[in-house]
Every structure is written in structure tokens, then in C-alpha cells.
Amino acid sequence: MLSNLRHFHAADGSGYRFIADQVLVIDAFNPQVASRLVRAFNRRNKLEPGRRALMTAELQRLLAAKLSKDVYEIVAKNLDA
């Protein structure tokens, strides 16, 4: 899915922010694609605490937005896990 994991897991959280921004844009016109893209956050619990916190912040930002049912379900499940 993501071919550049080094930048996705950037220490400053910019990769997570970029993907979350793209999910918000894409969700407006193609919820199915956005729901596949948001699955990049599925491994949040396997990360070290600093990156996990950055990823959690982006998931919470997504949750606060108006999301399609498809994306909302994945984001909410990731935050509950």
C-alpha cells in the first residue's frame, strides 16, 4: 500500500499528517478509496510510543471531521484498539 515507509513514519509525524490530509480530500468523492488509504494506520499499536502518539493524534483529527461511514468505521476501530 505505502511504498515509502521511511517518510510515512517520519519522526515529526509529517507522513501521518499527509496521509490523513489525503484521506479527508479523497473521502469527499471516493469513500471506498479513502477507507483503503486510512488502513495505513492499522499498525498503530505496533509502533513505539512517540510515533504511536503522533498517529493517534491524526486519527483523532480524522474522527473530528465529517467522514463517510466507510472511513469512520476504520478510524473508530483503530482508536478503540
N, C-alpha and C. Protein backbone atom coordinates (compact mmCIF):
# COMPACT_ATOMS: atom_id res chain seq x y z
N MET A 1 0.83 -1.19 0.00
CA MET A 1 0.00 0.00 0.00
C MET A 1 0.87 1.25 0.00
N LEU A 2 1.66 1.42 1.02
CA LEU A 2 2.56 2.57 1.08
C LEU A 2 3.96 2.08 0.74
N SER A 3 4.54 2.63 -0.29
CA SER A 3 5.84 2.15 -0.71
C SER A 3 6.98 2.94 -0.10
N ASN A 4 6.72 4.01 0.60
CA ASN A 4 7.77 4.81 1.19
C ASN A 4 7.57 4.91 2.70
N LEU A 5 7.79 3.80 3.36
CA LEU A 5 7.54 3.74 4.81
C LEU A 5 8.47 4.65 5.59
N ARG A 6 9.66 4.90 5.07
CA ARG A 6 10.59 5.77 5.78
C ARG A 6 9.98 7.15 5.98
N HIS A 7 9.37 7.68 4.97
CA HIS A 7 8.76 9.01 5.09
C HIS A 7 7.39 8.95 5.75
N PHE A 8 6.68 7.85 5.58
CA PHE A 8 5.40 7.70 6.26
C PHE A 8 5.61 7.75 7.77
N HIS A 9 6.65 7.10 8.25
CA HIS A 9 6.95 7.06 9.68
C HIS A 9 7.96 8.13 10.10
N ALA A 10 7.96 9.27 9.43
CA ALA A 10 8.87 10.36 9.77
C ALA A 10 8.69 10.73 11.24
N ALA A 11 9.80 11.03 11.89
CA ALA A 11 9.78 11.31 13.33
C ALA A 11 8.91 12.51 13.70
N ASP A 12 8.71 13.43 12.78
CA ASP A 12 7.90 14.61 13.08
C ASP A 12 6.41 14.40 12.81
N GLY A 13 6.02 13.23 12.34
CA GLY A 13 4.62 12.94 12.09
C GLY A 13 4.10 13.47 10.77
N SER A 14 4.97 14.04 9.94
CA SER A 14 4.53 14.63 8.68
C SER A 14 3.93 13.59 7.72
N GLY A 15 4.42 12.37 7.76
CA GLY A 15 3.87 11.32 6.90
C GLY A 15 2.45 10.97 7.31
N TYR A 16 2.21 10.88 8.59
CA TYR A 16 0.86 10.58 9.09
C TYR A 16 -0.09 11.72 8.74
N ARG A 17 0.39 12.94 8.91
CA ARG A 17 -0.42 14.12 8.60
C ARG A 17 -0.75 14.16 7.10
N PHE A 18 0.22 13.86 6.26
CA PHE A 18 -0.01 13.86 4.82
C PHE A 18 -1.08 12.84 4.43
N ILE A 19 -0.97 11.62 4.95
CA ILE A 19 -1.97 10.59 4.62
C ILE A 19 -3.34 10.98 5.16
N ALA A 20 -3.40 11.51 6.36
CA ALA A 20 -4.70 11.94 6.92
C ALA A 20 -5.31 13.04 6.06
N ASP A 21 -4.49 13.98 5.61
CA ASP A 21 -4.99 15.05 4.74
C ASP A 21 -5.56 14.46 3.44
N GLN A 22 -4.85 13.50 2.88
CA GLN A 22 -5.31 12.88 1.63
C GLN A 22 -6.60 12.09 1.85
N VAL A 23 -6.71 11.43 2.99
CA VAL A 23 -7.95 10.70 3.31
C VAL A 23 -9.12 11.67 3.34
N LEU A 24 -8.93 12.82 3.96
CA LEU A 24 -10.02 13.81 4.03
C LEU A 24 -10.43 14.30 2.64
N VAL A 25 -9.46 14.54 1.78
CA VAL A 25 -9.77 15.02 0.43
C VAL A 25 -10.47 13.93 -0.37
N ILE A 26 -9.90 12.73 -0.36
CA ILE A 26 -10.43 11.64 -1.17
C ILE A 26 -11.79 11.17 -0.67
N ASP A 27 -11.99 11.19 0.64
CA ASP A 27 -13.25 10.73 1.21
C ASP A 27 -14.44 11.52 0.68
N ALA A 28 -14.22 12.76 0.32
CA ALA A 28 -15.30 13.61 -0.19
C ALA A 28 -15.86 13.12 -1.51
N PHE A 29 -15.04 12.44 -2.32
CA PHE A 29 -15.53 12.00 -3.62
C PHE A 29 -15.39 10.50 -3.88
N ASN A 30 -14.63 9.79 -3.02
CA ASN A 30 -14.49 8.35 -3.21
C ASN A 30 -14.21 7.67 -1.85
N PRO A 31 -15.25 7.44 -1.07
CA PRO A 31 -15.07 6.86 0.27
C PRO A 31 -14.41 5.48 0.27
N GLN A 32 -14.62 4.69 -0.76
CA GLN A 32 -14.01 3.36 -0.79
C GLN A 32 -12.49 3.44 -0.88
N VAL A 33 -11.99 4.32 -1.70
CA VAL A 33 -10.54 4.50 -1.82
C VAL A 33 -9.98 5.10 -0.53
N ALA A 34 -10.69 6.07 0.04
CA ALA A 34 -10.25 6.69 1.29
C ALA A 34 -10.19 5.66 2.41
N SER A 35 -11.14 4.73 2.44
CA SER A 35 -11.14 3.71 3.50
C SER A 35 -9.96 2.76 3.33
N ARG A 36 -9.56 2.50 2.10
CA ARG A 36 -8.36 1.67 1.89
C ARG A 36 -7.11 2.42 2.32
N LEU A 37 -7.06 3.71 2.02
CA LEU A 37 -5.90 4.52 2.37
C LEU A 37 -5.75 4.67 3.89
N VAL A 38 -6.85 4.84 4.58
CA VAL A 38 -6.78 5.04 6.04
C VAL A 38 -6.31 3.78 6.76
N ARG A 39 -6.35 2.65 6.09
CA ARG A 39 -5.85 1.41 6.70
C ARG A 39 -4.35 1.45 6.93
N ALA A 40 -3.68 2.44 6.38
CA ALA A 40 -2.25 2.62 6.65
C ALA A 40 -2.00 2.82 8.14
N PHE A 41 -3.03 3.24 8.86
CA PHE A 41 -2.92 3.48 10.30
C PHE A 41 -3.19 2.23 11.13
N ASN A 42 -3.48 1.12 10.50
CA ASN A 42 -3.88 -0.09 11.22
C ASN A 42 -2.79 -0.67 12.13
N ARG A 43 -1.54 -0.36 11.89
CA ARG A 43 -0.45 -0.93 12.71
C ARG A 43 -0.02 0.01 13.83
N ARG A 44 -0.87 0.91 14.20
CA ARG A 44 -0.54 1.91 15.22
C ARG A 44 -0.03 1.30 16.51
N ASN A 45 -0.63 0.23 16.97
CA ASN A 45 -0.24 -0.36 18.26
C ASN A 45 1.11 -1.06 18.22
N LYS A 46 1.67 -1.25 17.03
CA LYS A 46 2.98 -1.90 16.92
C LYS A 46 4.12 -0.89 16.90
N LEU A 47 3.80 0.39 16.95
CA LEU A 47 4.82 1.43 16.90
C LEU A 47 5.31 1.79 18.29
N GLU A 48 6.48 2.43 18.32
CA GLU A 48 6.99 2.88 19.60
C GLU A 48 6.14 4.09 20.06
N PRO A 49 6.14 4.39 21.35
CA PRO A 49 5.20 5.37 21.92
C PRO A 49 5.15 6.74 21.22
N GLY A 50 6.28 7.29 20.81
CA GLY A 50 6.29 8.61 20.18
C GLY A 50 5.52 8.63 18.87
N ARG A 51 5.81 7.68 18.01
CA ARG A 51 5.11 7.62 16.73
C ARG A 51 3.65 7.20 16.92
N ARG A 52 3.40 6.35 17.89
CA ARG A 52 2.02 5.95 18.18
C ARG A 52 1.19 7.16 18.57
N ALA A 53 1.78 8.06 19.36
CA ALA A 53 1.06 9.27 19.79
C ALA A 53 0.78 10.18 18.60
N LEU A 54 1.75 10.31 17.70
CA LEU A 54 1.54 11.14 16.51
C LEU A 54 0.45 10.56 15.62
N MET A 55 0.46 9.25 15.46
CA MET A 55 -0.55 8.59 14.63
C MET A 55 -1.93 8.71 15.29
N THR A 56 -1.98 8.57 16.60
CA THR A 56 -3.23 8.70 17.34
C THR A 56 -3.82 10.10 17.16
N ALA A 57 -2.96 11.11 17.20
CA ALA A 57 -3.41 12.49 17.02
C ALA A 57 -4.05 12.67 15.64
N GLU A 58 -3.46 12.07 14.63
CA GLU A 58 -4.04 12.18 13.28
C GLU A 58 -5.36 11.42 13.18
N LEU A 59 -5.44 10.27 13.81
CA LEU A 59 -6.70 9.52 13.82
C LEU A 59 -7.79 10.31 14.53
N GLN A 60 -7.44 10.97 15.62
CA GLN A 60 -8.42 11.79 16.33
C GLN A 60 -8.85 12.99 15.50
N ARG A 61 -7.91 13.56 14.75
CA ARG A 61 -8.25 14.67 13.85
C ARG A 61 -9.22 14.19 12.78
N LEU A 62 -8.97 13.00 12.25
CA LEU A 62 -9.88 12.44 11.25
C LEU A 62 -11.26 12.21 11.85
N LEU A 63 -11.28 11.66 13.06
CA LEU A 63 -12.55 11.36 13.71
C LEU A 63 -13.39 12.62 13.94
N ALA A 64 -12.72 13.74 14.16
CA ALA A 64 -13.43 15.00 14.39
C ALA A 64 -14.01 15.59 13.10
N ALA A 65 -13.54 15.10 11.96
CA ALA A 65 -14.03 15.60 10.67
C ALA A 65 -15.31 14.87 10.28
N LYS A 66 -15.98 15.40 9.28
CA LYS A 66 -17.17 14.74 8.74
C LYS A 66 -16.68 13.66 7.78
N LEU A 67 -16.79 12.41 8.19
CA LEU A 67 -16.28 11.29 7.40
C LEU A 67 -17.42 10.44 6.86
N SER A 68 -17.12 9.74 5.79
CA SER A 68 -18.08 8.76 5.28
C SER A 68 -18.15 7.61 6.28
N LYS A 69 -19.19 6.83 6.16
CA LYS A 69 -19.38 5.67 7.04
C LYS A 69 -18.20 4.70 6.94
N ASP A 70 -17.71 4.48 5.72
CA ASP A 70 -16.61 3.54 5.49
C ASP A 70 -15.35 3.97 6.25
N VAL A 71 -14.97 5.22 6.10
CA VAL A 71 -13.75 5.73 6.73
C VAL A 71 -13.94 5.84 8.24
N TYR A 72 -15.09 6.33 8.67
CA TYR A 72 -15.36 6.48 10.10
C TYR A 72 -15.20 5.14 10.82
N GLU A 73 -15.72 4.10 10.24
CA GLU A 73 -15.66 2.77 10.86
C GLU A 73 -14.22 2.33 11.10
N ILE A 74 -13.35 2.53 10.14
CA ILE A 74 -11.96 2.13 10.27
C ILE A 74 -11.22 3.00 11.28
N VAL A 75 -11.45 4.30 11.22
CA VAL A 75 -10.80 5.22 12.15
C VAL A 75 -11.23 4.91 13.59
N ALA A 76 -12.51 4.75 13.81
CA ALA A 76 -13.02 4.47 15.16
C ALA A 76 -12.47 3.14 15.68
N LYS A 77 -12.41 2.13 14.82
CA LYS A 77 -11.87 0.83 15.23
C LYS A 77 -10.40 0.96 15.62
N ASN A 78 -9.63 1.74 14.87
CA ASN A 78 -8.23 1.92 15.19
C ASN A 78 -8.05 2.62 16.54
N LEU A 79 -8.89 3.57 16.85
CA LEU A 79 -8.78 4.26 18.12
C LEU A 79 -9.23 3.42 19.30
N ASP A 80 -10.14 2.49 19.06
CA ASP A 80 -10.61 1.61 20.13
C ASP A 80 -9.60 0.51 20.44
N ALA A 81 -8.79 0.16 19.45
CA ALA A 81 -7.85 -0.96 19.62
C ALA A 81 -6.73 -0.64 20.57
